[in-house]
Structures are given as C-alpha cells and as structure tokens.
Amino acid sequence: MKSLKQLILGAGILAGGLMSAQSSDMTNMLKVGLNGGISTGGNTAANVGVDLSYQNLITPGFGLGIATGYNNYFGKDRTISGVNVKNNDFGVIPVAALFRVYPKQMGFYFGADLGYGFIVGDDKVAENVNVDRPDGGFYIRPEIGYHNRDWNFFAQYNKTFTGDKGQIGDQKYNAGAIGVGFAYNIPLGK
C-alpha cells in the first residue's frame, strides 16, 4: 500500500508541474487516471488502480503510446475442499503499448493496452496455503468510453494471464476485473 501512495503522490507532482508549463496543443499528452472494478475470479473481490500513460496522436483520430500504472486486487476468503483459504491482496504493474481510436473530436472512443503485467505483493497466493503466486503474464485492457479535450471516462476490462500458476484446488489464480475509470489529459505540445 505504501508504494501505491508513493505512485499517486509522484503522479500528482508530475501532473502539477506539467500543467503549469505546457501549451494547449493536444498532439502529445500525458494521461493520469483512476480505475476500479469487480473481480472476474474467485481469489479476489475487487480492484482499484492508478493509470499513467503517454499518447501521441498519429492522426486526429488515432493515438499510439505507452501505458503503466498500478492495480491493487483485494483478496477474498473462500472455502476450497473444506479448507478456509485466506487469499492475499496483490498488485499488477502493467508495461504496455496503447492504441486509441477517436471517431470524432469529442465523444465516443475505443482502444486497448497490450503488454506484460508484473504481479507484485506477497509471494504466496494465500496466507494459509503454501502455493506460490505467479510473477506475471500477458496483459490486455480493452476500453470503450467518452472523451473531450480534458477528460476520458471509460468502461474497461483488464486481465493478466497467468496460465495454471497459483491454482489452489479448483480456484484458478485470477488477475482480472471489469470496471470503470477516468483519466485527465495533460497536453505536452507537438
């Protein structure tokens, strides 16, 4: 949790400095945002995260860039084969390429982030079961939303694929969620 607070503080300081020094041209931009959602698996209940990305508009309707951030997944207790399993919280730090399609200057947009998600936190899946958690896997995050010059509001699905690593009984290790979020666009000029 300490690293999440440091990441939010660092992003805030960076955003404040950039907002005071940049032009209003929106060809290059830094996006700083928050997201949250409901887990798609049995070992976690929900997630909350911060997003940081850089985007360059190749054309007025198409952007490419890089994305990272931190998503915290909250562990959920479950009973598996008669054993009460206390699943640990964990984090995902994505390192991804992003693309966005903007059909109009303001309105609907869609896109995705594709890359690798590093899983961080406790080395075990659960505090009372000796099963190692995975280190990461292929990361995907499609999103669809509404945008204007300053803000993006979106619905998203994020998932880090881990194969069969971290499975406890019939509980597969899950690092995925469906949720919503928003991002603020900070212009960086041409």
N, C-alpha and C. Protein backbone atom coordinates (compact mmCIF):
# COMPACT_ATOMS: atom_id res chain seq x y z
N MET A 1 0.83 -1.18 0.00
CA MET A 1 0.00 0.00 0.00
C MET A 1 0.88 1.25 0.00
N LYS A 2 2.07 1.16 0.61
CA LYS A 2 2.97 2.30 0.65
C LYS A 2 3.41 2.71 -0.76
N SER A 3 3.71 1.70 -1.62
CA SER A 3 4.13 2.02 -2.98
C SER A 3 2.98 2.62 -3.78
N LEU A 4 1.73 2.24 -3.52
CA LEU A 4 0.58 2.84 -4.18
C LEU A 4 0.47 4.32 -3.82
N LYS A 5 0.65 4.65 -2.55
CA LYS A 5 0.61 6.05 -2.12
C LYS A 5 1.74 6.85 -2.75
N GLN A 6 2.93 6.26 -2.85
CA GLN A 6 4.07 6.95 -3.47
C GLN A 6 3.82 7.18 -4.96
N LEU A 7 3.22 6.20 -5.63
CA LEU A 7 2.91 6.35 -7.05
C LEU A 7 1.90 7.46 -7.27
N ILE A 8 0.86 7.53 -6.45
CA ILE A 8 -0.15 8.58 -6.58
C ILE A 8 0.47 9.94 -6.31
N LEU A 9 1.29 10.06 -5.28
CA LEU A 9 1.96 11.32 -4.97
C LEU A 9 2.87 11.76 -6.11
N GLY A 10 3.67 10.83 -6.63
CA GLY A 10 4.58 11.15 -7.73
C GLY A 10 3.83 11.59 -8.98
N ALA A 11 2.74 10.90 -9.31
CA ALA A 11 1.94 11.28 -10.47
C ALA A 11 1.32 12.66 -10.28
N GLY A 12 0.89 12.97 -9.07
CA GLY A 12 0.32 14.29 -8.78
C GLY A 12 1.34 15.40 -8.93
N ILE A 13 2.54 15.18 -8.43
CA ILE A 13 3.61 16.19 -8.55
C ILE A 13 3.97 16.40 -10.02
N LEU A 14 4.12 15.30 -10.76
CA LEU A 14 4.44 15.38 -12.17
C LEU A 14 3.34 16.11 -12.94
N ALA A 15 2.10 15.76 -12.67
CA ALA A 15 0.98 16.40 -13.36
C ALA A 15 0.92 17.89 -13.06
N GLY A 16 1.13 18.28 -11.81
CA GLY A 16 1.12 19.70 -11.46
C GLY A 16 2.18 20.49 -12.18
N GLY A 17 3.38 19.95 -12.28
CA GLY A 17 4.45 20.63 -12.98
C GLY A 17 4.19 20.74 -14.47
N LEU A 18 3.66 19.68 -15.05
CA LEU A 18 3.40 19.71 -16.49
C LEU A 18 2.25 20.64 -16.84
N MET A 19 1.22 20.70 -16.01
CA MET A 19 0.06 21.53 -16.32
C MET A 19 0.44 23.00 -16.34
N SER A 20 1.40 23.42 -15.55
CA SER A 20 1.75 24.82 -15.49
C SER A 20 2.71 25.22 -16.60
N ALA A 21 3.34 24.28 -17.30
CA ALA A 21 4.40 24.62 -18.23
C ALA A 21 4.13 24.26 -19.68
N GLN A 22 3.01 23.65 -20.01
CA GLN A 22 2.82 23.14 -21.36
C GLN A 22 1.82 23.97 -22.15
N SER A 23 1.91 23.82 -23.50
CA SER A 23 0.99 24.51 -24.40
C SER A 23 -0.34 23.77 -24.45
N SER A 24 -1.30 24.32 -25.17
CA SER A 24 -2.61 23.69 -25.26
C SER A 24 -2.74 22.75 -26.45
N ASP A 25 -1.67 22.54 -27.23
CA ASP A 25 -1.71 21.61 -28.35
C ASP A 25 -1.87 20.19 -27.81
N MET A 26 -2.81 19.43 -28.38
CA MET A 26 -3.12 18.10 -27.86
C MET A 26 -2.56 16.96 -28.72
N THR A 27 -1.46 17.21 -29.46
CA THR A 27 -0.86 16.15 -30.27
C THR A 27 -0.21 15.10 -29.38
N ASN A 28 0.53 15.52 -28.38
CA ASN A 28 1.15 14.64 -27.40
C ASN A 28 0.54 14.93 -26.04
N MET A 29 0.24 13.87 -25.30
CA MET A 29 -0.35 14.10 -23.98
C MET A 29 0.02 13.01 -22.99
N LEU A 30 0.01 13.41 -21.75
CA LEU A 30 0.15 12.51 -20.63
C LEU A 30 -1.24 12.32 -20.06
N LYS A 31 -1.62 11.09 -19.76
CA LYS A 31 -2.94 10.79 -19.20
C LYS A 31 -2.73 10.23 -17.79
N VAL A 32 -3.38 10.83 -16.82
CA VAL A 32 -3.30 10.39 -15.43
C VAL A 32 -4.72 10.06 -14.99
N GLY A 33 -4.94 8.85 -14.46
CA GLY A 33 -6.31 8.48 -14.12
C GLY A 33 -6.43 7.48 -12.99
N LEU A 34 -7.68 7.18 -12.68
CA LEU A 34 -8.05 6.20 -11.65
C LEU A 34 -9.04 5.22 -12.25
N ASN A 35 -9.02 3.97 -11.76
CA ASN A 35 -9.99 2.98 -12.20
C ASN A 35 -10.34 2.06 -11.04
N GLY A 36 -11.45 1.40 -11.16
CA GLY A 36 -11.87 0.44 -10.15
C GLY A 36 -12.86 -0.53 -10.76
N GLY A 37 -12.96 -1.71 -10.15
CA GLY A 37 -13.88 -2.68 -10.72
C GLY A 37 -14.13 -3.87 -9.83
N ILE A 38 -14.90 -4.78 -10.39
CA ILE A 38 -15.28 -6.02 -9.73
C ILE A 38 -14.47 -7.15 -10.36
N SER A 39 -13.93 -8.02 -9.52
CA SER A 39 -13.08 -9.11 -9.98
C SER A 39 -13.84 -10.09 -10.86
N THR A 40 -13.11 -10.72 -11.76
CA THR A 40 -13.70 -11.75 -12.61
C THR A 40 -13.34 -13.16 -12.14
N GLY A 41 -12.74 -13.29 -10.96
CA GLY A 41 -12.33 -14.61 -10.48
C GLY A 41 -12.62 -14.83 -9.02
N GLY A 42 -12.27 -16.02 -8.53
CA GLY A 42 -12.61 -16.42 -7.17
C GLY A 42 -11.65 -16.01 -6.08
N ASN A 43 -10.39 -15.66 -6.42
CA ASN A 43 -9.44 -15.34 -5.37
C ASN A 43 -9.44 -13.86 -4.99
N THR A 44 -10.11 -13.01 -5.76
CA THR A 44 -10.18 -11.58 -5.45
C THR A 44 -11.62 -11.10 -5.50
N ALA A 45 -11.87 -9.99 -4.81
CA ALA A 45 -13.21 -9.42 -4.78
C ALA A 45 -13.34 -8.21 -5.68
N ALA A 46 -12.31 -7.36 -5.70
CA ALA A 46 -12.39 -6.09 -6.44
C ALA A 46 -10.99 -5.57 -6.68
N ASN A 47 -10.90 -4.51 -7.49
CA ASN A 47 -9.62 -3.85 -7.69
C ASN A 47 -9.81 -2.34 -7.74
N VAL A 48 -8.73 -1.63 -7.47
CA VAL A 48 -8.67 -0.18 -7.62
C VAL A 48 -7.27 0.13 -8.11
N GLY A 49 -7.16 1.11 -9.01
CA GLY A 49 -5.84 1.37 -9.58
C GLY A 49 -5.65 2.80 -10.04
N VAL A 50 -4.38 3.11 -10.33
CA VAL A 50 -3.99 4.39 -10.92
C VAL A 50 -3.38 4.09 -12.28
N ASP A 51 -3.62 4.98 -13.23
CA ASP A 51 -3.12 4.82 -14.58
C ASP A 51 -2.23 5.99 -14.94
N LEU A 52 -1.18 5.71 -15.69
CA LEU A 52 -0.29 6.74 -16.22
C LEU A 52 0.10 6.30 -17.62
N SER A 53 -0.16 7.17 -18.60
CA SER A 53 0.19 6.81 -19.97
C SER A 53 0.59 8.05 -20.76
N TYR A 54 1.34 7.80 -21.82
CA TYR A 54 1.73 8.82 -22.78
C TYR A 54 1.08 8.43 -24.10
N GLN A 55 0.49 9.43 -24.78
CA GLN A 55 -0.16 9.16 -26.07
C GLN A 55 0.25 10.22 -27.08
N ASN A 56 0.54 9.77 -28.30
CA ASN A 56 0.81 10.66 -29.43
C ASN A 56 -0.28 10.43 -30.46
N LEU A 57 -0.96 11.51 -30.86
CA LEU A 57 -1.98 11.39 -31.91
C LEU A 57 -1.27 11.35 -33.26
N ILE A 58 -1.23 10.18 -33.87
CA ILE A 58 -0.62 9.99 -35.18
C ILE A 58 -1.45 10.73 -36.22
N THR A 59 -2.75 10.61 -36.13
CA THR A 59 -3.71 11.39 -36.92
C THR A 59 -4.70 11.95 -35.90
N PRO A 60 -5.57 12.90 -36.29
CA PRO A 60 -6.53 13.42 -35.30
C PRO A 60 -7.43 12.35 -34.68
N GLY A 61 -7.60 11.20 -35.34
CA GLY A 61 -8.49 10.18 -34.81
C GLY A 61 -7.82 8.91 -34.34
N PHE A 62 -6.46 8.87 -34.31
CA PHE A 62 -5.77 7.65 -33.93
C PHE A 62 -4.54 7.96 -33.10
N GLY A 63 -4.46 7.37 -31.89
CA GLY A 63 -3.34 7.60 -31.00
C GLY A 63 -2.59 6.34 -30.65
N LEU A 64 -1.28 6.45 -30.52
CA LEU A 64 -0.41 5.37 -30.06
C LEU A 64 0.40 5.86 -28.88
N GLY A 65 0.80 4.95 -28.00
CA GLY A 65 1.60 5.37 -26.86
C GLY A 65 2.01 4.21 -25.99
N ILE A 66 2.36 4.54 -24.74
CA ILE A 66 2.76 3.56 -23.74
C ILE A 66 1.93 3.78 -22.48
N ALA A 67 1.74 2.71 -21.72
CA ALA A 67 0.90 2.80 -20.52
C ALA A 67 1.50 1.99 -19.38
N THR A 68 1.31 2.48 -18.17
CA THR A 68 1.69 1.76 -16.97
C THR A 68 0.72 2.19 -15.86
N GLY A 69 1.06 1.89 -14.64
CA GLY A 69 0.22 2.24 -13.50
C GLY A 69 0.36 1.20 -12.41
N TYR A 70 -0.67 1.09 -11.59
CA TYR A 70 -0.70 0.09 -10.53
C TYR A 70 -2.15 -0.25 -10.24
N ASN A 71 -2.48 -1.53 -10.25
CA ASN A 71 -3.81 -2.02 -9.88
C ASN A 71 -3.67 -2.90 -8.66
N ASN A 72 -4.40 -2.58 -7.61
CA ASN A 72 -4.41 -3.40 -6.40
C ASN A 72 -5.66 -4.28 -6.41
N TYR A 73 -5.45 -5.59 -6.25
CA TYR A 73 -6.56 -6.55 -6.18
C TYR A 73 -6.71 -6.98 -4.73
N PHE A 74 -7.94 -6.93 -4.24
CA PHE A 74 -8.24 -7.26 -2.85
C PHE A 74 -8.62 -8.74 -2.75
N GLY A 75 -7.86 -9.49 -1.94
CA GLY A 75 -8.09 -10.92 -1.77
C GLY A 75 -9.44 -11.20 -1.13
N LYS A 76 -10.00 -12.37 -1.48
CA LYS A 76 -11.31 -12.79 -0.96
C LYS A 76 -11.15 -14.16 -0.32
N ASP A 77 -11.67 -14.32 0.88
CA ASP A 77 -11.65 -15.61 1.56
C ASP A 77 -12.64 -16.56 0.89
N ARG A 78 -12.22 -17.84 0.75
CA ARG A 78 -13.07 -18.86 0.12
C ARG A 78 -12.88 -20.18 0.85
N THR A 79 -13.84 -21.06 0.72
CA THR A 79 -13.70 -22.42 1.22
C THR A 79 -13.48 -23.33 0.02
N ILE A 80 -12.33 -24.00 0.01
CA ILE A 80 -11.96 -24.89 -1.10
C ILE A 80 -11.68 -26.26 -0.52
N SER A 81 -12.47 -27.25 -0.93
CA SER A 81 -12.33 -28.63 -0.44
C SER A 81 -12.32 -28.68 1.08
N GLY A 82 -13.20 -27.90 1.71
CA GLY A 82 -13.33 -27.89 3.16
C GLY A 82 -12.30 -27.05 3.90
N VAL A 83 -11.40 -26.37 3.19
CA VAL A 83 -10.38 -25.54 3.82
C VAL A 83 -10.71 -24.07 3.58
N ASN A 84 -10.72 -23.27 4.68
CA ASN A 84 -10.96 -21.84 4.54
C ASN A 84 -9.66 -21.18 4.05
N VAL A 85 -9.66 -20.72 2.82
CA VAL A 85 -8.47 -20.13 2.19
C VAL A 85 -8.56 -18.61 2.31
N LYS A 86 -7.51 -18.00 2.88
CA LYS A 86 -7.43 -16.55 3.03
C LYS A 86 -6.52 -15.99 1.94
N ASN A 87 -7.11 -15.68 0.78
CA ASN A 87 -6.35 -15.19 -0.37
C ASN A 87 -5.74 -13.82 -0.08
N ASN A 88 -4.49 -13.64 -0.49
CA ASN A 88 -3.77 -12.39 -0.27
C ASN A 88 -4.12 -11.33 -1.31
N ASP A 89 -4.00 -10.07 -0.90
CA ASP A 89 -4.05 -8.97 -1.86
C ASP A 89 -2.78 -9.03 -2.70
N PHE A 90 -2.83 -8.45 -3.89
CA PHE A 90 -1.64 -8.34 -4.73
C PHE A 90 -1.82 -7.17 -5.69
N GLY A 91 -0.75 -6.81 -6.35
CA GLY A 91 -0.79 -5.71 -7.30
C GLY A 91 -0.33 -6.15 -8.67
N VAL A 92 -0.75 -5.41 -9.68
CA VAL A 92 -0.30 -5.61 -11.05
C VAL A 92 0.25 -4.29 -11.57
N ILE A 93 1.48 -4.33 -12.07
CA ILE A 93 2.10 -3.17 -12.70
C ILE A 93 2.24 -3.50 -14.19
N PRO A 94 1.38 -2.90 -15.04
CA PRO A 94 1.48 -3.18 -16.47
C PRO A 94 2.55 -2.33 -17.14
N VAL A 95 3.17 -2.90 -18.15
CA VAL A 95 4.05 -2.18 -19.07
C VAL A 95 3.49 -2.53 -20.44
N ALA A 96 2.83 -1.56 -21.09
CA ALA A 96 2.05 -1.88 -22.27
C ALA A 96 2.11 -0.80 -23.34
N ALA A 97 1.86 -1.23 -24.56
CA ALA A 97 1.62 -0.30 -25.66
C ALA A 97 0.13 0.00 -25.67
N LEU A 98 -0.22 1.22 -26.05
CA LEU A 98 -1.65 1.56 -26.11
C LEU A 98 -1.99 2.06 -27.50
N PHE A 99 -3.24 1.83 -27.88
CA PHE A 99 -3.78 2.46 -29.08
C PHE A 99 -5.19 2.93 -28.77
N ARG A 100 -5.57 4.05 -29.36
CA ARG A 100 -6.91 4.61 -29.18
C ARG A 100 -7.43 5.09 -30.53
N VAL A 101 -8.72 4.89 -30.76
CA VAL A 101 -9.40 5.37 -31.96
C VAL A 101 -10.47 6.36 -31.51
N TYR A 102 -10.40 7.58 -32.07
CA TYR A 102 -11.32 8.67 -31.76
C TYR A 102 -12.08 9.04 -33.03
N PRO A 103 -13.28 8.48 -33.26
CA PRO A 103 -14.01 8.78 -34.48
C PRO A 103 -14.35 10.28 -34.64
N LYS A 104 -14.56 10.98 -33.55
CA LYS A 104 -14.85 12.42 -33.59
C LYS A 104 -13.97 13.15 -32.58
N GLN A 105 -13.87 14.47 -32.75
CA GLN A 105 -13.03 15.27 -31.85
C GLN A 105 -13.50 15.18 -30.40
N MET A 106 -14.80 14.99 -30.21
CA MET A 106 -15.35 14.81 -28.86
C MET A 106 -16.45 13.77 -28.94
N GLY A 107 -16.47 12.83 -28.01
CA GLY A 107 -17.50 11.80 -28.00
C GLY A 107 -16.93 10.42 -27.75
N PHE A 108 -17.53 9.43 -28.38
CA PHE A 108 -17.19 8.02 -28.23
C PHE A 108 -15.75 7.73 -28.67
N TYR A 109 -15.07 6.83 -27.98
CA TYR A 109 -13.76 6.33 -28.40
C TYR A 109 -13.60 4.89 -27.93
N PHE A 110 -12.63 4.19 -28.50
CA PHE A 110 -12.31 2.84 -28.04
C PHE A 110 -10.83 2.58 -28.26
N GLY A 111 -10.31 1.55 -27.60
CA GLY A 111 -8.91 1.21 -27.73
C GLY A 111 -8.52 0.10 -26.78
N ALA A 112 -7.22 -0.13 -26.66
CA ALA A 112 -6.73 -1.19 -25.78
C ALA A 112 -5.27 -0.94 -25.41
N ASP A 113 -4.86 -1.54 -24.31
CA ASP A 113 -3.46 -1.60 -23.89
C ASP A 113 -3.05 -3.07 -23.98
N LEU A 114 -1.88 -3.33 -24.55
CA LEU A 114 -1.37 -4.70 -24.68
C LEU A 114 0.08 -4.73 -24.23
N GLY A 115 0.43 -5.69 -23.37
CA GLY A 115 1.80 -5.77 -22.91
C GLY A 115 2.00 -6.88 -21.90
N TYR A 116 2.77 -6.58 -20.85
CA TYR A 116 3.07 -7.54 -19.80
C TYR A 116 2.66 -6.95 -18.46
N GLY A 117 2.00 -7.75 -17.62
CA GLY A 117 1.62 -7.33 -16.28
C GLY A 117 2.49 -8.02 -15.25
N PHE A 118 3.26 -7.24 -14.50
CA PHE A 118 4.09 -7.78 -13.42
C PHE A 118 3.24 -7.87 -12.16
N ILE A 119 3.15 -9.07 -11.57
CA ILE A 119 2.36 -9.26 -10.35
C ILE A 119 3.30 -9.12 -9.16
N VAL A 120 2.91 -8.23 -8.22
CA VAL A 120 3.75 -7.94 -7.06
C VAL A 120 2.94 -8.13 -5.78
N GLY A 121 3.65 -8.29 -4.69
CA GLY A 121 3.00 -8.46 -3.39
C GLY A 121 3.54 -9.69 -2.69
N ASP A 122 2.73 -10.28 -1.83
CA ASP A 122 3.12 -11.47 -1.09
C ASP A 122 3.49 -12.58 -2.07
N ASP A 123 4.49 -13.37 -1.74
CA ASP A 123 4.96 -14.45 -2.62
C ASP A 123 3.99 -15.62 -2.70
N LYS A 124 3.04 -15.70 -1.78
CA LYS A 124 2.08 -16.81 -1.74
C LYS A 124 0.70 -16.32 -2.17
N VAL A 125 -0.07 -17.22 -2.76
CA VAL A 125 -1.44 -16.89 -3.18
C VAL A 125 -2.31 -16.60 -1.97
N ALA A 126 -2.16 -17.41 -0.93
CA ALA A 126 -2.98 -17.26 0.28
C ALA A 126 -2.09 -17.32 1.51
N GLU A 127 -2.53 -16.67 2.57
CA GLU A 127 -1.70 -16.63 3.78
C GLU A 127 -1.64 -17.97 4.50
N ASN A 128 -2.63 -18.83 4.28
CA ASN A 128 -2.64 -20.10 5.00
C ASN A 128 -2.48 -21.31 4.07
N VAL A 129 -2.08 -21.11 2.82
CA VAL A 129 -1.85 -22.21 1.88
C VAL A 129 -0.50 -21.95 1.19
N ASN A 130 0.36 -22.95 1.16
CA ASN A 130 1.71 -22.78 0.63
C ASN A 130 1.75 -23.00 -0.89
N VAL A 131 1.17 -22.05 -1.64
CA VAL A 131 1.19 -22.08 -3.11
C VAL A 131 1.76 -20.75 -3.58
N ASP A 132 2.81 -20.81 -4.40
CA ASP A 132 3.45 -19.60 -4.92
C ASP A 132 2.54 -18.88 -5.91
N ARG A 133 2.54 -17.54 -5.82
CA ARG A 133 1.78 -16.76 -6.78
C ARG A 133 2.60 -16.60 -8.06
N PRO A 134 1.95 -16.38 -9.20
CA PRO A 134 2.69 -16.13 -10.43
C PRO A 134 3.39 -14.78 -10.40
N ASP A 135 4.41 -14.62 -11.25
CA ASP A 135 5.14 -13.35 -11.32
C ASP A 135 4.53 -12.38 -12.33
N GLY A 136 3.68 -12.87 -13.22
CA GLY A 136 3.07 -12.00 -14.22
C GLY A 136 2.66 -12.77 -15.45
N GLY A 137 2.30 -12.02 -16.49
CA GLY A 137 1.86 -12.65 -17.73
C GLY A 137 1.40 -11.61 -18.73
N PHE A 138 0.90 -12.10 -19.86
CA PHE A 138 0.39 -11.24 -20.91
C PHE A 138 -0.73 -10.37 -20.35
N TYR A 139 -0.68 -9.07 -20.63
CA TYR A 139 -1.64 -8.10 -20.10
C TYR A 139 -2.46 -7.51 -21.24
N ILE A 140 -3.77 -7.43 -21.05
CA ILE A 140 -4.66 -6.81 -22.02
C ILE A 140 -5.68 -5.96 -21.28
N ARG A 141 -6.00 -4.80 -21.87
CA ARG A 141 -7.00 -3.94 -21.26
C ARG A 141 -7.77 -3.19 -22.36
N PRO A 142 -8.83 -3.80 -22.89
CA PRO A 142 -9.68 -3.06 -23.83
C PRO A 142 -10.55 -2.07 -23.05
N GLU A 143 -10.82 -0.93 -23.68
CA GLU A 143 -11.71 0.05 -23.05
C GLU A 143 -12.54 0.75 -24.10
N ILE A 144 -13.69 1.23 -23.67
CA ILE A 144 -14.60 1.99 -24.52
C ILE A 144 -15.12 3.13 -23.65
N GLY A 145 -15.26 4.32 -24.24
CA GLY A 145 -15.70 5.42 -23.40
C GLY A 145 -16.05 6.68 -24.14
N TYR A 146 -16.10 7.75 -23.37
CA TYR A 146 -16.41 9.09 -23.86
C TYR A 146 -15.21 9.98 -23.57
N HIS A 147 -14.88 10.87 -24.53
CA HIS A 147 -13.75 11.78 -24.32
C HIS A 147 -14.11 13.19 -24.75
N ASN A 148 -13.47 14.15 -24.11
CA ASN A 148 -13.46 15.53 -24.58
C ASN A 148 -12.00 15.98 -24.53
N ARG A 149 -11.76 17.24 -24.63
CA ARG A 149 -10.38 17.73 -24.69
C ARG A 149 -9.59 17.37 -23.42
N ASP A 150 -10.22 17.44 -22.26
CA ASP A 150 -9.52 17.27 -20.99
C ASP A 150 -9.70 15.92 -20.32
N TRP A 151 -10.82 15.24 -20.56
CA TRP A 151 -11.15 14.05 -19.78
C TRP A 151 -11.50 12.87 -20.67
N ASN A 152 -11.26 11.67 -20.15
CA ASN A 152 -11.74 10.41 -20.71
C ASN A 152 -12.49 9.69 -19.59
N PHE A 153 -13.71 9.24 -19.89
CA PHE A 153 -14.49 8.42 -18.96
C PHE A 153 -14.73 7.10 -19.67
N PHE A 154 -14.45 5.96 -19.00
CA PHE A 154 -14.47 4.70 -19.74
C PHE A 154 -14.93 3.52 -18.90
N ALA A 155 -15.36 2.48 -19.62
CA ALA A 155 -15.58 1.15 -19.06
C ALA A 155 -14.46 0.29 -19.60
N GLN A 156 -13.93 -0.60 -18.77
CA GLN A 156 -12.77 -1.39 -19.18
C GLN A 156 -12.78 -2.78 -18.57
N TYR A 157 -12.02 -3.64 -19.22
CA TYR A 157 -11.75 -4.98 -18.72
C TYR A 157 -10.23 -5.07 -18.67
N ASN A 158 -9.66 -5.48 -17.56
CA ASN A 158 -8.20 -5.68 -17.53
C ASN A 158 -7.91 -7.09 -17.04
N LYS A 159 -6.89 -7.69 -17.65
CA LYS A 159 -6.58 -9.08 -17.34
C LYS A 159 -5.09 -9.33 -17.54
N THR A 160 -4.47 -10.00 -16.57
CA THR A 160 -3.11 -10.50 -16.70
C THR A 160 -3.22 -12.02 -16.70
N PHE A 161 -2.85 -12.63 -17.82
CA PHE A 161 -2.97 -14.09 -17.99
C PHE A 161 -1.79 -14.78 -17.31
N THR A 162 -2.09 -15.75 -16.44
CA THR A 162 -1.05 -16.43 -15.66
C THR A 162 -0.98 -17.93 -15.92
N GLY A 163 -1.75 -18.43 -16.85
CA GLY A 163 -1.77 -19.88 -17.10
C GLY A 163 -2.33 -20.60 -15.89
N ASP A 164 -1.74 -21.74 -15.54
CA ASP A 164 -2.23 -22.50 -14.39
C ASP A 164 -1.41 -22.26 -13.13
N LYS A 165 -0.53 -21.25 -13.14
CA LYS A 165 0.27 -20.93 -11.95
C LYS A 165 -0.61 -20.34 -10.87
N GLY A 166 -0.36 -20.72 -9.62
CA GLY A 166 -1.09 -20.17 -8.49
C GLY A 166 -2.44 -20.80 -8.21
N GLN A 167 -2.77 -21.89 -8.86
CA GLN A 167 -4.07 -22.52 -8.66
C GLN A 167 -4.10 -23.27 -7.35
N ILE A 168 -5.21 -23.13 -6.61
CA ILE A 168 -5.43 -23.86 -5.36
C ILE A 168 -6.71 -24.66 -5.54
N GLY A 169 -6.61 -25.97 -5.61
CA GLY A 169 -7.79 -26.81 -5.84
C GLY A 169 -8.48 -26.40 -7.13
N ASP A 170 -9.78 -26.08 -7.05
CA ASP A 170 -10.50 -25.64 -8.25
C ASP A 170 -10.46 -24.11 -8.41
N GLN A 171 -9.76 -23.40 -7.53
CA GLN A 171 -9.64 -21.95 -7.63
C GLN A 171 -8.43 -21.60 -8.51
N LYS A 172 -8.71 -21.06 -9.68
CA LYS A 172 -7.64 -20.60 -10.55
C LYS A 172 -7.19 -19.23 -10.08
N TYR A 173 -5.92 -18.92 -10.28
CA TYR A 173 -5.41 -17.60 -9.91
C TYR A 173 -5.92 -16.59 -10.91
N ASN A 174 -6.55 -15.52 -10.43
CA ASN A 174 -7.14 -14.54 -11.31
C ASN A 174 -6.61 -13.14 -11.03
N ALA A 175 -6.16 -12.47 -12.08
CA ALA A 175 -5.75 -11.07 -12.01
C ALA A 175 -6.52 -10.34 -13.09
N GLY A 176 -7.84 -10.24 -12.90
CA GLY A 176 -8.69 -9.59 -13.89
C GLY A 176 -9.89 -8.94 -13.25
N ALA A 177 -10.40 -7.89 -13.89
CA ALA A 177 -11.56 -7.18 -13.38
C ALA A 177 -12.29 -6.44 -14.50
N ILE A 178 -13.57 -6.22 -14.29
CA ILE A 178 -14.38 -5.39 -15.17
C ILE A 178 -14.73 -4.15 -14.36
N GLY A 179 -14.54 -2.96 -14.95
CA GLY A 179 -14.79 -1.77 -14.16
C GLY A 179 -14.91 -0.50 -14.98
N VAL A 180 -14.81 0.61 -14.28
CA VAL A 180 -14.91 1.94 -14.88
C VAL A 180 -13.73 2.78 -14.41
N GLY A 181 -13.51 3.89 -15.10
CA GLY A 181 -12.44 4.78 -14.71
C GLY A 181 -12.51 6.10 -15.43
N PHE A 182 -11.57 6.96 -15.11
CA PHE A 182 -11.45 8.25 -15.79
C PHE A 182 -9.99 8.63 -15.85
N ALA A 183 -9.65 9.48 -16.81
CA ALA A 183 -8.28 9.96 -16.96
C ALA A 183 -8.32 11.43 -17.35
N TYR A 184 -7.35 12.19 -16.86
CA TYR A 184 -7.19 13.60 -17.20
C TYR A 184 -6.06 13.71 -18.21
N ASN A 185 -6.29 14.46 -19.28
CA ASN A 185 -5.30 14.64 -20.35
C ASN A 185 -4.48 15.89 -20.11
N ILE A 186 -3.17 15.73 -20.03
CA ILE A 186 -2.25 16.86 -19.83
C ILE A 186 -1.49 17.08 -21.14
N PRO A 187 -1.72 18.21 -21.82
CA PRO A 187 -1.04 18.44 -23.10
C PRO A 187 0.47 18.61 -22.93
N LEU A 188 1.22 18.02 -23.87
CA LEU A 188 2.67 18.11 -23.86
C LEU A 188 3.20 18.88 -25.08
N GLY A 189 2.33 19.39 -25.92
CA GLY A 189 2.75 20.13 -27.11
C GLY A 189 3.00 19.22 -28.27
N LYS A 190 3.71 19.76 -29.28
CA LYS A 190 3.96 18.99 -30.51
C LYS A 190 5.12 18.05 -30.34
